[in-house]
PDB file of N, CA and C in Angstrom:
ATOM      1  N   MET A   1     -67.688  54.353 -36.901  1.00  0.00           N
ATOM      2  CA  MET A   1     -66.586  53.406 -36.961  1.00  0.00           C
ATOM      3  C   MET A   1     -66.828  52.303 -35.928  1.00  0.00           C
ATOM      4  N   PRO A   2     -66.695  51.061 -36.340  1.00  0.00           N
ATOM      5  CA  PRO A   2     -66.939  49.964 -35.405  1.00  0.00           C
ATOM      6  C   PRO A   2     -65.878  49.925 -34.301  1.00  0.00           C
ATOM      7  N   ARG A   3     -66.335  49.492 -33.138  1.00  0.00           N
ATOM      8  CA  ARG A   3     -65.403  49.345 -32.015  1.00  0.00           C
ATOM      9  C   ARG A   3     -64.538  48.116 -32.239  1.00  0.00           C
ATOM     10  N   LEU A   4     -63.338  48.168 -31.719  1.00  0.00           N
ATOM     11  CA  LEU A   4     -62.441  47.022 -31.831  1.00  0.00           C
ATOM     12  C   LEU A   4     -62.844  45.965 -30.813  1.00  0.00           C
ATOM     13  N   SER A   5     -62.787  44.741 -31.239  1.00  0.00           N
ATOM     14  CA  SER A   5     -63.085  43.621 -30.360  1.00  0.00           C
ATOM     15  C   SER A   5     -61.842  43.297 -29.534  1.00  0.00           C
ATOM     16  N   PRO A   6     -62.027  42.867 -28.288  1.00  0.00           N
ATOM     17  CA  PRO A   6     -60.868  42.418 -27.514  1.00  0.00           C
ATOM     18  C   PRO A   6     -60.155  41.234 -28.168  1.00  0.00           C
ATOM     19  N   LEU A   7     -60.849  40.500 -29.021  1.00  0.00           N
ATOM     20  CA  LEU A   7     -60.207  39.375 -29.705  1.00  0.00           C
ATOM     21  C   LEU A   7     -59.280  39.829 -30.826  1.00  0.00           C
ATOM     22  N   ASP A   8     -59.265  41.143 -31.118  1.00  0.00           N
ATOM     23  CA  ASP A   8     -58.311  41.653 -32.092  1.00  0.00           C
ATOM     24  C   ASP A   8     -56.904  41.720 -31.517  1.00  0.00           C
ATOM     25  N   ASP A   9     -56.791  41.740 -30.198  1.00  0.00           N
ATOM     26  CA  ASP A   9     -55.491  41.712 -29.526  1.00  0.00           C
ATOM     27  C   ASP A   9     -54.980  40.276 -29.540  1.00  0.00           C
ATOM     28  N   PRO A  10     -53.816  40.008 -30.137  1.00  0.00           N
ATOM     29  CA  PRO A  10     -53.332  38.618 -30.267  1.00  0.00           C
ATOM     30  C   PRO A  10     -53.158  37.894 -28.925  1.00  0.00           C
ATOM     31  N   ASP A  11     -52.718  38.609 -27.890  1.00  0.00           N
ATOM     32  CA  ASP A  11     -52.510  37.945 -26.601  1.00  0.00           C
ATOM     33  C   ASP A  11     -53.831  37.526 -25.967  1.00  0.00           C
ATOM     34  N   ARG A  12     -54.816  38.417 -25.994  1.00  0.00           N
ATOM     35  CA  ARG A  12     -56.129  38.076 -25.430  1.00  0.00           C
ATOM     36  C   ARG A  12     -56.808  36.994 -26.258  1.00  0.00           C
ATOM     37  N   ALA A  13     -56.641  37.057 -27.576  1.00  0.00           N
ATOM     38  CA  ALA A  13     -57.237  36.036 -28.446  1.00  0.00           C
ATOM     39  C   ALA A  13     -56.598  34.670 -28.186  1.00  0.00           C
ATOM     40  N   ALA A  14     -55.281  34.652 -28.012  1.00  0.00           N
ATOM     41  CA  ALA A  14     -54.599  33.381 -27.745  1.00  0.00           C
ATOM     42  C   ALA A  14     -55.072  32.792 -26.423  1.00  0.00           C
ATOM     43  N   PHE A  15     -55.244  33.642 -25.402  1.00  0.00           N
ATOM     44  CA  PHE A  15     -55.729  33.162 -24.109  1.00  0.00           C
ATOM     45  C   PHE A  15     -57.149  32.616 -24.228  1.00  0.00           C
ATOM     46  N   ALA A  16     -58.017  33.354 -24.937  1.00  0.00           N
ATOM     47  CA  ALA A  16     -59.417  32.929 -25.079  1.00  0.00           C
ATOM     48  C   ALA A  16     -59.520  31.618 -25.853  1.00  0.00           C
ATOM     49  N   TRP A  17     -58.771  31.495 -26.941  1.00  0.00           N
ATOM     50  CA  TRP A  17     -58.844  30.270 -27.732  1.00  0.00           C
ATOM     51  C   TRP A  17     -58.208  29.092 -27.009  1.00  0.00           C
ATOM     52  N   ALA A  18     -57.184  29.334 -26.185  1.00  0.00           N
ATOM     53  CA  ALA A  18     -56.594  28.249 -25.385  1.00  0.00           C
ATOM     54  C   ALA A  18     -57.610  27.754 -24.366  1.00  0.00           C
ATOM     55  N   ARG A  19     -58.361  28.672 -23.767  1.00  0.00           N
ATOM     56  CA  ARG A  19     -59.415  28.286 -22.816  1.00  0.00           C
ATOM     57  C   ARG A  19     -60.496  27.479 -23.527  1.00  0.00           C
ATOM     58  N   TYR A  20     -60.836  27.882 -24.759  1.00  0.00           N
ATOM     59  CA  TYR A  20     -61.837  27.156 -25.546  1.00  0.00           C
ATOM     60  C   TYR A  20     -61.352  25.734 -25.864  1.00  0.00           C
ATOM     61  N   ARG A  21     -60.096  25.605 -26.276  1.00  0.00           N
ATOM     62  CA  ARG A  21     -59.550  24.278 -26.572  1.00  0.00           C
ATOM     63  C   ARG A  21     -59.513  23.395 -25.323  1.00  0.00           C
ATOM     64  N   ARG A  22     -59.188  23.982 -24.177  1.00  0.00           N
ATOM     65  CA  ARG A  22     -59.184  23.229 -22.925  1.00  0.00           C
ATOM     66  C   ARG A  22     -60.587  22.730 -22.586  1.00  0.00           C
ATOM     67  N   LEU A  23     -61.585  23.586 -22.786  1.00  0.00           N
ATOM     68  CA  LEU A  23     -62.968  23.186 -22.567  1.00  0.00           C
ATOM     69  C   LEU A  23     -63.366  22.045 -23.504  1.00  0.00           C
ATOM     70  N   MET A  24     -62.975  22.134 -24.768  1.00  0.00           N
ATOM     71  CA  MET A  24     -63.326  21.096 -25.736  1.00  0.00           C
ATOM     72  C   MET A  24     -62.636  19.770 -25.412  1.00  0.00           C
ATOM     73  N   LYS A  25     -61.391  19.822 -24.947  1.00  0.00           N
ATOM     74  CA  LYS A  25     -60.706  18.580 -24.556  1.00  0.00           C
ATOM     75  C   LYS A  25     -61.417  17.932 -23.372  1.00  0.00           C
ATOM     76  N   PHE A  26     -61.777  18.742 -22.388  1.00  0.00           N
ATOM     77  CA  PHE A  26     -62.495  18.225 -21.228  1.00  0.00           C
ATOM     78  C   PHE A  26     -63.823  17.605 -21.653  1.00  0.00           C
ATOM     79  N   MET A  27     -64.558  18.294 -22.520  1.00  0.00           N
ATOM     80  CA  MET A  27     -65.845  17.771 -22.975  1.00  0.00           C
ATOM     81  C   MET A  27     -65.667  16.535 -23.853  1.00  0.00           C
ATOM     82  N   GLY A  28     -64.549  16.433 -24.540  1.00  0.00           N
ATOM     83  CA  GLY A  28     -64.263  15.221 -25.300  1.00  0.00           C
ATOM     84  C   GLY A  28     -64.126  14.015 -24.384  1.00  0.00           C
ATOM     85  N   VAL A  29     -63.453  14.200 -23.258  1.00  0.00           N
ATOM     86  CA  VAL A  29     -63.303  13.122 -22.277  1.00  0.00           C
ATOM     87  C   VAL A  29     -64.666  12.767 -21.675  1.00  0.00           C
ATOM     88  N   VAL A  30     -65.451  13.792 -21.319  1.00  0.00           N
ATOM     89  CA  VAL A  30     -66.790  13.548 -20.761  1.00  0.00           C
ATOM     90  C   VAL A  30     -67.662  12.823 -21.781  1.00  0.00           C
ATOM     91  N   THR A  31     -67.544  13.183 -23.044  1.00  0.00           N
ATOM     92  CA  THR A  31     -68.329  12.542 -24.096  1.00  0.00           C
ATOM     93  C   THR A  31     -67.967  11.075 -24.248  1.00  0.00           C
ATOM     94  N   VAL A  32     -66.683  10.782 -24.242  1.00  0.00           N
ATOM     95  CA  VAL A  32     -66.249   9.383 -24.359  1.00  0.00           C
ATOM     96  C   VAL A  32     -66.793   8.570 -23.181  1.00  0.00           C
ATOM     97  N   ILE A  33     -66.730   9.126 -21.990  1.00  0.00           N
ATOM     98  CA  ILE A  33     -67.253   8.430 -20.812  1.00  0.00           C
ATOM     99  C   ILE A  33     -68.762   8.203 -20.959  1.00  0.00           C
ATOM    100  N   ALA A  34     -69.491   9.222 -21.409  1.00  0.00           N
ATOM    101  CA  ALA A  34     -70.940   9.085 -21.577  1.00  0.00           C
ATOM    102  C   ALA A  34     -71.279   8.028 -22.623  1.00  0.00           C
ATOM    103  N   VAL A  35     -70.534   7.987 -23.710  1.00  0.00           N
ATOM    104  CA  VAL A  35     -70.781   6.990 -24.762  1.00  0.00           C
ATOM    105  C   VAL A  35     -70.508   5.585 -24.238  1.00  0.00           C
ATOM    106  N   VAL A  36     -69.406   5.413 -23.533  1.00  0.00           N
ATOM    107  CA  VAL A  36     -69.069   4.087 -23.004  1.00  0.00           C
ATOM    108  C   VAL A  36     -70.126   3.628 -21.999  1.00  0.00           C
ATOM    109  N   VAL A  37     -70.547   4.525 -21.116  1.00  0.00           N
ATOM    110  CA  VAL A  37     -71.571   4.163 -20.124  1.00  0.00           C
ATOM    111  C   VAL A  37     -72.883   3.811 -20.815  1.00  0.00           C
ATOM    112  N   SER A  38     -73.287   4.601 -21.795  1.00  0.00           N
ATOM    113  CA  SER A  38     -74.558   4.315 -22.471  1.00  0.00           C
ATOM    114  C   SER A  38     -74.504   3.006 -23.247  1.00  0.00           C
ATOM    115  N   LEU A  39     -73.403   2.738 -23.927  1.00  0.00           N
ATOM    116  CA  LEU A  39     -73.291   1.471 -24.654  1.00  0.00           C
ATOM    117  C   LEU A  39     -73.246   0.288 -23.697  1.00  0.00           C
ATOM    118  N   THR A  40     -72.610   0.466 -22.557  1.00  0.00           N
ATOM    119  CA  THR A  40     -72.575  -0.597 -21.551  1.00  0.00           C
ATOM    120  C   THR A  40     -73.973  -0.889 -21.022  1.00  0.00           C
ATOM    121  N   LEU A  41     -74.737   0.154 -20.751  1.00  0.00           N
ATOM    122  CA  LEU A  41     -76.097  -0.040 -20.261  1.00  0.00           C
ATOM    123  C   LEU A  41     -76.988  -0.702 -21.314  1.00  0.00           C
ATOM    124  N   ILE A  42     -76.844  -0.312 -22.559  1.00  0.00           N
ATOM    125  CA  ILE A  42     -77.641  -0.929 -23.626  1.00  0.00           C
ATOM    126  C   ILE A  42     -77.271  -2.407 -23.760  1.00  0.00           C
ATOM    127  N   TYR A  43     -75.974  -2.710 -23.715  1.00  0.00           N
ATOM    128  CA  TYR A  43     -75.552  -4.107 -23.828  1.00  0.00           C
ATOM    129  C   TYR A  43     -76.030  -4.921 -22.636  1.00  0.00           C
ATOM    130  N   ARG A  44     -75.971  -4.333 -21.441  1.00  0.00           N
ATOM    131  CA  ARG A  44     -76.404  -5.051 -20.240  1.00  0.00           C
ATOM    132  C   ARG A  44     -77.902  -5.377 -20.292  1.00  0.00           C
ATOM    133  N   ASP A  45     -78.696  -4.433 -20.795  1.00  0.00           N
ATOM    134  CA  ASP A  45     -80.142  -4.643 -20.836  1.00  0.00           C
ATOM    135  C   ASP A  45     -80.604  -5.497 -22.016  1.00  0.00           C
ATOM    136  N   ASN A  46     -79.943  -5.369 -23.176  1.00  0.00           N
ATOM    137  CA  ASN A  46     -80.434  -6.006 -24.400  1.00  0.00           C
ATOM    138  C   ASN A  46     -79.511  -7.059 -24.977  1.00  0.00           C
ATOM    139  N   GLY A  47     -78.290  -7.123 -24.546  1.00  0.00           N
ATOM    140  CA  GLY A  47     -77.339  -8.043 -25.147  1.00  0.00           C
ATOM    141  C   GLY A  47     -76.864  -7.510 -26.495  1.00  0.00           C
ATOM    142  N   MET A  48     -76.296  -8.389 -27.294  1.00  0.00           N
ATOM    143  CA  MET A  48     -75.797  -7.970 -28.606  1.00  0.00           C
ATOM    144  C   MET A  48     -76.943  -8.000 -29.601  1.00  0.00           C
ATOM    145  N   VAL A  49     -77.556  -6.845 -29.819  1.00  0.00           N
ATOM    146  CA  VAL A  49     -78.705  -6.762 -30.711  1.00  0.00           C
ATOM    147  C   VAL A  49     -78.222  -6.634 -32.149  1.00  0.00           C
ATOM    148  N   SER A  50     -77.661  -5.522 -32.476  1.00  0.00           N
ATOM    149  CA  SER A  50     -77.126  -5.266 -33.809  1.00  0.00           C
ATOM    150  C   SER A  50     -75.996  -4.263 -33.661  1.00  0.00           C
ATOM    151  N   ILE A  51     -74.958  -4.461 -34.408  1.00  0.00           N
ATOM    152  CA  ILE A  51     -73.826  -3.538 -34.337  1.00  0.00           C
ATOM    153  C   ILE A  51     -74.251  -2.140 -34.783  1.00  0.00           C
ATOM    154  N   HIS A  52     -75.256  -2.077 -35.663  1.00  0.00           N
ATOM    155  CA  HIS A  52     -75.724  -0.781 -36.150  1.00  0.00           C
ATOM    156  C   HIS A  52     -76.381   0.042 -35.048  1.00  0.00           C
ATOM    157  N   LEU A  53     -77.038  -0.626 -34.126  1.00  0.00           N
ATOM    158  CA  LEU A  53     -77.630   0.064 -32.973  1.00  0.00           C
ATOM    159  C   LEU A  53     -76.547   0.723 -32.134  1.00  0.00           C
ATOM    160  N   TYR A  54     -75.464   0.010 -31.903  1.00  0.00           N
ATOM    161  CA  TYR A  54     -74.381   0.537 -31.082  1.00  0.00           C
ATOM    162  C   TYR A  54     -73.636   1.671 -31.803  1.00  0.00           C
ATOM    163  N   ILE A  55     -73.438   1.530 -33.097  1.00  0.00           N
ATOM    164  CA  ILE A  55     -72.774   2.587 -33.862  1.00  0.00           C
ATOM    165  C   ILE A  55     -73.629   3.847 -33.882  1.00  0.00           C
ATOM    166  N   ALA A  56     -74.927   3.681 -34.143  1.00  0.00           N
ATOM    167  CA  ALA A  56     -75.819   4.845 -34.195  1.00  0.00           C
ATOM    168  C   ALA A  56     -75.929   5.524 -32.832  1.00  0.00           C
ATOM    169  N   THR A  57     -75.976   4.739 -31.768  1.00  0.00           N
ATOM    170  CA  THR A  57     -76.052   5.312 -30.424  1.00  0.00           C
ATOM    171  C   THR A  57     -74.777   6.079 -30.093  1.00  0.00           C
ATOM    172  N   ALA A  58     -73.639   5.482 -30.378  1.00  0.00           N
ATOM    173  CA  ALA A  58     -72.359   6.142 -30.095  1.00  0.00           C
ATOM    174  C   ALA A  58     -72.213   7.428 -30.892  1.00  0.00           C
ATOM    175  N   LEU A  59     -72.545   7.375 -32.179  1.00  0.00           N
ATOM    176  CA  LEU A  59     -72.437   8.585 -33.005  1.00  0.00           C
ATOM    177  C   LEU A  59     -73.449   9.645 -32.589  1.00  0.00           C
ATOM    178  N   GLY A  60     -74.661   9.227 -32.289  1.00  0.00           N
ATOM    179  CA  GLY A  60     -75.685  10.192 -31.883  1.00  0.00           C
ATOM    180  C   GLY A  60     -75.326  10.914 -30.603  1.00  0.00           C
ATOM    181  N   ILE A  61     -74.932  10.166 -29.591  1.00  0.00           N
ATOM    182  CA  ILE A  61     -74.565  10.782 -28.315  1.00  0.00           C
ATOM    183  C   ILE A  61     -73.288  11.607 -28.467  1.00  0.00           C
ATOM    184  N   GLY A  62     -72.310  11.063 -29.168  1.00  0.00           N
ATOM    185  CA  GLY A  62     -71.037  11.768 -29.327  1.00  0.00           C
ATOM    186  C   GLY A  62     -71.169  13.068 -30.097  1.00  0.00           C
ATOM    187  N   VAL A  63     -71.851  13.035 -31.221  1.00  0.00           N
ATOM    188  CA  VAL A  63     -72.014  14.247 -32.030  1.00  0.00           C
ATOM    189  C   VAL A  63     -72.859  15.280 -31.295  1.00  0.00           C
ATOM    190  N   MET A  64     -73.921  14.830 -30.648  1.00  0.00           N
ATOM    191  CA  MET A  64     -74.791  15.760 -29.929  1.00  0.00           C
ATOM    192  C   MET A  64     -74.039  16.449 -28.794  1.00  0.00           C
ATOM    193  N   MET A  65     -73.287  15.695 -28.023  1.00  0.00           N
ATOM    194  CA  MET A  65     -72.570  16.301 -26.901  1.00  0.00           C
ATOM    195  C   MET A  65     -71.455  17.220 -27.360  1.00  0.00           C
ATOM    196  N   MET A  66     -70.743  16.847 -28.408  1.00  0.00           N
ATOM    197  CA  MET A  66     -69.654  17.710 -28.885  1.00  0.00           C
ATOM    198  C   MET A  66     -70.193  18.970 -29.563  1.00  0.00           C
ATOM    199  N   LEU A  67     -71.316  18.856 -30.262  1.00  0.00           N
ATOM    200  CA  LEU A  67     -71.933  20.040 -30.856  1.00  0.00           C
ATOM    201  C   LEU A  67     -72.401  20.990 -29.763  1.00  0.00           C
ATOM    202  N   MET A  68     -73.028  20.442 -28.735  1.00  0.00           N
ATOM    203  CA  MET A  68     -73.463  21.268 -27.616  1.00  0.00           C
ATOM    204  C   MET A  68     -72.266  21.934 -26.942  1.00  0.00           C
ATOM    205  N   ALA A  69     -71.200  21.204 -26.745  1.00  0.00           N
ATOM    206  CA  ALA A  69     -70.009  21.764 -26.110  1.00  0.00           C
ATOM    207  C   ALA A  69     -69.380  22.850 -26.973  1.00  0.00           C
ATOM    208  N   ALA A  70     -69.341  22.629 -28.284  1.00  0.00           N
ATOM    209  CA  ALA A  70     -68.749  23.626 -29.176  1.00  0.00           C
ATOM    210  C   ALA A  70     -69.554  24.920 -29.177  1.00  0.00           C
ATOM    211  N   LEU A  71     -70.863  24.814 -29.261  1.00  0.00           N
ATOM    212  CA  LEU A  71     -71.698  26.016 -29.294  1.00  0.00           C
ATOM    213  C   LEU A  71     -71.684  26.753 -27.964  1.00  0.00           C
ATOM    214  N   MET A  72     -71.800  26.034 -26.869  1.00  0.00           N
ATOM    215  CA  MET A  72     -71.752  26.687 -25.560  1.00  0.00           C
ATOM    216  C   MET A  72     -70.359  27.251 -25.301  1.00  0.00           C
ATOM    217  N   GLY A  73     -69.327  26.561 -25.754  1.00  0.00           N
ATOM    218  CA  GLY A  73     -67.968  27.082 -25.610  1.00  0.00           C
ATOM    219  C   GLY A  73     -67.783  28.385 -26.353  1.00  0.00           C
ATOM    220  N   LEU A  74     -68.376  28.497 -27.550  1.00  0.00           N
ATOM    221  CA  LEU A  74     -68.287  29.748 -28.294  1.00  0.00           C
ATOM    222  C   LEU A  74     -69.049  30.870 -27.601  1.00  0.00           C
ATOM    223  N   VAL A  75     -70.165  30.543 -26.965  1.00  0.00           N
ATOM    224  CA  VAL A  75     -70.901  31.549 -26.192  1.00  0.00           C
ATOM    225  C   VAL A  75     -70.044  32.029 -25.029  1.00  0.00           C
ATOM    226  N   PHE A  76     -69.415  31.092 -24.321  1.00  0.00           N
ATOM    227  CA  PHE A  76     -68.546  31.475 -23.206  1.00  0.00           C
ATOM    228  C   PHE A  76     -67.350  32.278 -23.694  1.00  0.00           C
ATOM    229  N   LEU A  77     -66.771  31.900 -24.831  1.00  0.00           N
ATOM    230  CA  LEU A  77     -65.633  32.627 -25.378  1.00  0.00           C
ATOM    231  C   LEU A  77     -66.032  34.051 -25.727  1.00  0.00           C
ATOM    232  N   SER A  78     -67.148  34.210 -26.384  1.00  0.00           N
ATOM    233  CA  SER A  78     -67.612  35.527 -26.799  1.00  0.00           C
ATOM    234  C   SER A  78     -67.923  36.411 -25.603  1.00  0.00           C
ATOM    235  N   SER A  79     -68.592  35.854 -24.624  1.00  0.00           N
ATOM    236  CA  SER A  79     -68.961  36.629 -23.442  1.00  0.00           C
ATOM    237  C   SER A  79     -67.751  36.899 -22.548  1.00  0.00           C
ATOM    238  N   GLY A  80     -66.939  35.898 -22.320  1.00  0.00           N
ATOM    239  CA  GLY A  80     -65.811  36.032 -21.410  1.00  0.00           C
ATOM    240  C   GLY A  80     -64.702  36.921 -21.921  1.00  0.00           C
ATOM    241  N   SER A  81     -64.560  37.026 -23.233  1.00  0.00           N
ATOM    242  CA  SER A  81     -63.487  37.847 -23.798  1.00  0.00           C
ATOM    243  C   SER A  81     -63.895  39.309 -23.958  1.00  0.00           C
ATOM    244  N   GLY A  82     -65.177  39.614 -23.809  1.00  0.00           N
ATOM    245  CA  GLY A  82     -65.638  40.983 -24.009  1.00  0.00           C
ATOM    246  C   GLY A  82     -66.033  41.268 -25.450  1.00  0.00           C
ATOM    247  N   HIS A  83     -66.049  40.235 -26.269  1.00  0.00           N
ATOM    248  CA  HIS A  83     -66.392  40.393 -27.679  1.00  0.00           C
ATOM    249  C   HIS A  83     -67.843  40.843 -27.852  1.00  0.00           C
ATOM    250  N   ASP A  84     -68.721  40.424 -26.946  1.00  0.00           N
ATOM    251  CA  ASP A  84     -70.135  40.794 -27.036  1.00  0.00           C
ATOM    252  C   ASP A  84     -70.354  42.292 -26.874  1.00  0.00           C
ATOM    253  N   GLU A  85     -69.525  42.940 -26.061  1.00  0.00           N
ATOM    254  CA  GLU A  85     -69.697  44.373 -25.818  1.00  0.00           C
ATOM    255  C   GLU A  85     -69.144  45.231 -26.949  1.00  0.00           C
ATOM    256  N   ALA A  86     -68.444  44.626 -27.905  1.00  0.00           N
ATOM    257  CA  ALA A  86     -67.814  45.383 -28.973  1.00  0.00           C
ATOM    258  C   ALA A  86     -68.719  45.569 -30.189  1.00  0.00           C
ATOM    259  N   ILE A  87     -69.988  45.247 -30.090  1.00  0.00           N
ATOM    260  CA  ILE A  87     -70.884  45.373 -31.236  1.00  0.00           C
ATOM    261  C   ILE A  87     -71.327  46.818 -31.416  1.00  0.00           C
ATOM    262  N   ASP A  88     -71.782  47.142 -32.596  1.00  0.00           N
ATOM    263  CA  ASP A  88     -72.414  48.433 -32.854  1.00  0.00           C
ATOM    264  C   ASP A  88     -73.904  48.255 -32.665  1.00  0.00           C
ATOM    265  N   ASP A  89     -74.450  48.910 -31.656  1.00  0.00           N
ATOM    266  CA  ASP A  89     -75.859  48.787 -31.340  1.00  0.00           C
ATOM    267  C   ASP A  89     -76.606  49.971 -31.929  1.00  0.00           C
ATOM    268  N   PRO A  90     -77.403  49.779 -32.986  1.00  0.00           N
ATOM    269  CA  PRO A  90     -78.119  50.902 -33.585  1.00  0.00           C
ATOM    270  C   PRO A  90     -79.186  51.472 -32.655  1.00  0.00           C
ATOM    271  N   LEU A  91     -79.648  50.700 -31.689  1.00  0.00           N
ATOM    272  CA  LEU A  91     -80.662  51.172 -30.760  1.00  0.00           C
ATOM    273  C   LEU A  91     -80.060  51.983 -29.618  1.00  0.00           C
ATOM    274  N   GLU A  92     -78.738  52.004 -29.536  1.00  0.00           N
ATOM    275  CA  GLU A  92     -78.072  52.748 -28.474  1.00  0.00           C
ATOM    276  C   GLU A  92     -78.333  54.254 -28.586  1.00  0.00           C
ATOM    277  N   GLU A  93     -78.506  54.727 -29.804  1.00  0.00           N
ATOM    278  CA  GLU A  93     -78.771  56.149 -30.027  1.00  0.00           C
ATOM    279  C   GLU A  93     -80.121  56.562 -29.456  1.00  0.00           C
ATOM    280  N   LEU A  94     -81.066  55.622 -29.413  1.00  0.00           N
ATOM    281  CA  LEU A  94     -82.404  55.941 -28.924  1.00  0.00           C
ATOM    282  C   LEU A  94     -82.458  56.063 -27.408  1.00  0.00           C
ATOM    283  N   GLY A  95     -81.453  55.544 -26.730  1.00  0.00           N
ATOM    284  CA  GLY A  95     -81.429  55.624 -25.278  1.00  0.00           C
ATOM    285  C   GLY A  95     -82.399  54.654 -24.650  1.00  0.00           C
ATOM    286  N   GLU A  96     -82.908  55.025 -23.510  1.00  0.00           N
ATOM    287  CA  GLU A  96     -83.805  54.157 -22.747  1.00  0.00           C
ATOM    288  C   GLU A  96     -85.255  54.263 -23.208  1.00  0.00           C
ATOM    289  N   SER A  97     -85.592  55.239 -24.045  1.00  0.00           N
ATOM    290  CA  SER A  97     -86.994  55.462 -24.406  1.00  0.00           C
ATOM    291  C   SER A  97     -87.589  54.292 -25.185  1.00  0.00           C
ATOM    292  N   TRP A  98     -86.838  53.605 -25.998  1.00  0.00           N
ATOM    293  CA  TRP A  98     -87.382  52.488 -26.768  1.00  0.00           C
ATOM    294  C   TRP A  98     -87.727  51.313 -25.872  1.00  0.00           C
ATOM    295  N   ARG A  99     -87.002  51.146 -24.761  1.00  0.00           N
ATOM    296  CA  ARG A  99     -87.296  50.065 -23.833  1.00  0.00           C
ATOM    297  C   ARG A  99     -88.596  50.304 -23.088  1.00  0.00           C
ATOM    298  N   GLU A 100     -88.877  51.560 -22.775  1.00  0.00           N
ATOM    299  CA  GLU A 100     -90.109  51.897 -22.065  1.00  0.00           C
ATOM    300  C   GLU A 100     -91.334  51.628 -22.933  1.00  0.00           C
ATOM    301  N   ARG A 101     -91.222  51.840 -24.238  1.00  0.00           N
ATOM    302  CA  ARG A 101     -92.356  51.606 -25.138  1.00  0.00           C
ATOM    303  C   ARG A 101     -92.679  50.124 -25.272  1.00  0.00           C
ATOM    304  N   GLU A 102     -91.663  49.238 -25.140  1.00  0.00           N
ATOM    305  CA  GLU A 102     -91.924  47.799 -25.232  1.00  0.00           C
ATOM    306  C   GLU A 102     -92.696  47.275 -24.042  1.00  0.00           C
ATOM    307  N   ASP A 103     -92.502  47.871 -22.873  1.00  0.00           N
ATOM    308  CA  ASP A 103     -93.175  47.389 -21.664  1.00  0.00           C
ATOM    309  C   ASP A 103     -94.568  47.888 -21.541  1.00  0.00           C
TER     310      ASP A 103
END
């Protein structure tokens, strides 16, 4: 029988997801600042080249940073909530002997 995840408890899940949303809001602000700074630097060095350059730069930096924040946030959520320890490990039955054979 699979172990229950700590995220099955509504109170712990609500706390974990609130922390995740707070992280994403913070990273959204950091992303906007990074996009504005990068576009300012490009404009300062090159002037008004093409609007497509600025759109592509803003979208590239923004999407990349938010994707990174979302994935790392999910890693932190999974680890911090104890969800990682709730897996069924088929190698657990073998004990420590399988680790010794790998080395």
